[in-house]
Amino acid sequence: MRRQVEKSKRALMELKHGVFFNKSSVSFDSIQMSMSTFNDTNLNSERKQQKFINKYEYQLRCKKLDLIALHLPQAEVTYYRLQAQFDSELSLMWKNHRNFVKDRGMTTSLISLLEKRLTNITNRWRDIYNYRIDYFLQNAYDELDHMNQDEITQYVKIMPSSSSIIIDVQHPFNDKQLQLLSRGPSYVPPCLIYTSLSNESMVDIVKKQYAPLKHQLNNLFLKYKINLNLQMEIHKKVYDLFKDLFSKSIPSSLSQRALYEKKLIESIRTSLKKHNIILRRTADNMNIFYMGNKEEFEKKADRYLLTCEDYDVLFDVNDTNNEKPFNLAIKDMIESINALLEQLKIHKGITDDLYKQFIVNPTRLKIPYLYFLPNLSNENVLSLVPIVTSQYSTTWKMAKYLNKLLRPYADGVLRSTSFTDETDFIRKLYRYAIIERCLRPSTLFCTIKITNFCTLEEHKEMIDVIGYFLQDNLATNKLETLTIQTIRNLLHLFLHNNIFSYKNSIYKFTKGSPNTIPLTETLSNIYLFVWQKKILKEVNQNIELFGRYKDRIFFTWNKSTAIALETFLEDLREKHRNVRFQKLIGTSVSFLNAYIENRQGQLYTRTHYDPNMPRY
């Protein structure tokens, strides 16, 4: 029995490791996929053919992983069943021994032999497992010719490495390069310091790496008023430990791997530049690379900026007719911000500490820049998501403070009409449908996705909405130490001074603010809380479920037909065109990661898999 337990355990582990090494012993013969459309006349260009092959390989990989996903729970059930049987029999054996059951007692030597036997079985199957992982999966020796193929477990690759990369261009990369890229943007090559800083001395490396930690320690010393002698002692001990750790040599095998991957990365960079290929992580943060034509990608980005109404060109570096040089324009903006902050301090709107915290230091200022990430959530359609860096901008410290001030209060007010996460949504849906029995055969589900979540309204209107929200919900005219008017003034400074660079131009936001600043989400949440009241007027919250998670809204509807609900939402869209949204109405919808369906008054749910998103 112990042999069966260990065998099933190692089989389960081997199946899981196979996915990691892109190999599996599971037969894929049952998968039926046709490439007959490959000869379609619409695929006459080499690039279209390559895109079709990439899509085919991706779909085939998904089907293979689906098949492996069916085998995994079966292997788990087998292992747990055998383990339970073994534990039961072993427990019974010891029980009989302790209770002196006739002919069931064991001598000391017999017990010792049994324990050794069980240990030997475990060790043997562990050795077999390690051998198979090394031989068949990790080092792929099974790909060599063998005298007796019948003795070799047949492992096949799940798919080429390229199937886990979204490829939208012809490329020159070999299997090794694609294999490295398939690990995704989150992969960190080993021992980067030892390879990237090889021209520097170890002392220089340690000093450079220690600098951020030294800065953090100094802040702590200042905060807790540590005396100078103790500061110096702590610095010395930490630095010596740092130096000792960095001075240790790394194993030869790891060093070879680090150098190999460094050369591989350099070759990828060279090829990207030579063949005009762009490599970006996808906007969904799914640890997947997108590979496309750089020129086409940049043209799409330029078109986005030309047609977008959320930004205005503030300064063109190449324009000789500018009123003043760029450096002077930035200097004037900084002086204007600091002057307004000083006025707030003089009029006791903010304290001296806040003034010092918010004031813009030109020497530490970094102009934010814009870049785009590919979004492929819609099949066969590439769209771009703009990302604006924000740290060390003119407003980032102010934004950080305002978010810390507004977020907890806003979350408390918004809690009754918000879903905190997927689990909270399912829990409230279960209460609505099962406990309160409000789900009827005629109940409709509606989902709304706000498509301009970060750029909902022009600055003046956004400030007014936040001000009215605070007036309506605060008991006084203050939130902690700041008055509502001071908060409005700080929001004015924040919203009107968000700039970013792209190529040779400086832009400013006319609506919203950077999506990388947490305050942006807080302001949008408050704005949508006010906007969604127009829906809540029509939705009876006593018998319906309503909630929003960031840019997504879900509610149930029993008031009228789907056509009437659609008419109501279209009227809402027409009256408030600044809020752009997509809607879905029906007895079955997907919300967050859940698929929900009303089956004649009975709730059915399951995990929702977006067909355009990777499942694994």
Foldseek 3Di string as FASTA:
>chain_A
DLLQLLVLVLVLVLLVVCVVLQKHLDDPVPDDDDPVCLPPPVCPDPLSSVLSVLVVLLVLLQVLVVVSVVVNVVSVVSNVVVVVVVVVVVVVLVVCQVVVPPPSHDDPVRVVVVVVVSVVSNVVSVVVSVCCCVDCRDPNVVVDDDPDVVVDRDMDGSGQLSSLAAENGDFDDDSVLSVVQSQFPVDDQPPCCCPVVVVDDLVVSLCVVCVVVLVVLVVVCVVVVPDPVVSVVVVVVVSVVSSVVSPDDDDPVSVVRNVVVVVSVVVVVVRCVVQQKDWFHAPVPPRHIYIDHNVVVVVQVVVCVVPDPFKDFDDFQPDPPDPDHPVVVVVVLLVVLLVLLVVCCVVVQDDPVVSVQLRQDVVQADFKAKDWHWYCLDPPDTDIDIAIDDPRHNCQSLLVVLCVQQVVVLCVVQVVAAQPDPVSVVVVVCCLQPVVVLFALQKKKKKKFFPPLQFQDFQVVLLVLVLVLCVVPPPDQDRVSHGSVSSSVSSCSNQQRRWYDDDRTIMHTRGGHGPVRVSSQSSSSSVVVVLCVLVVVVPPPVRKRWHDDRRMIMIMDDPDHPVVVVVSVVVSCVVRVSGDMDMDMGQWDDDDQKTWGQDRSDIDIDGHDSPRDDPD
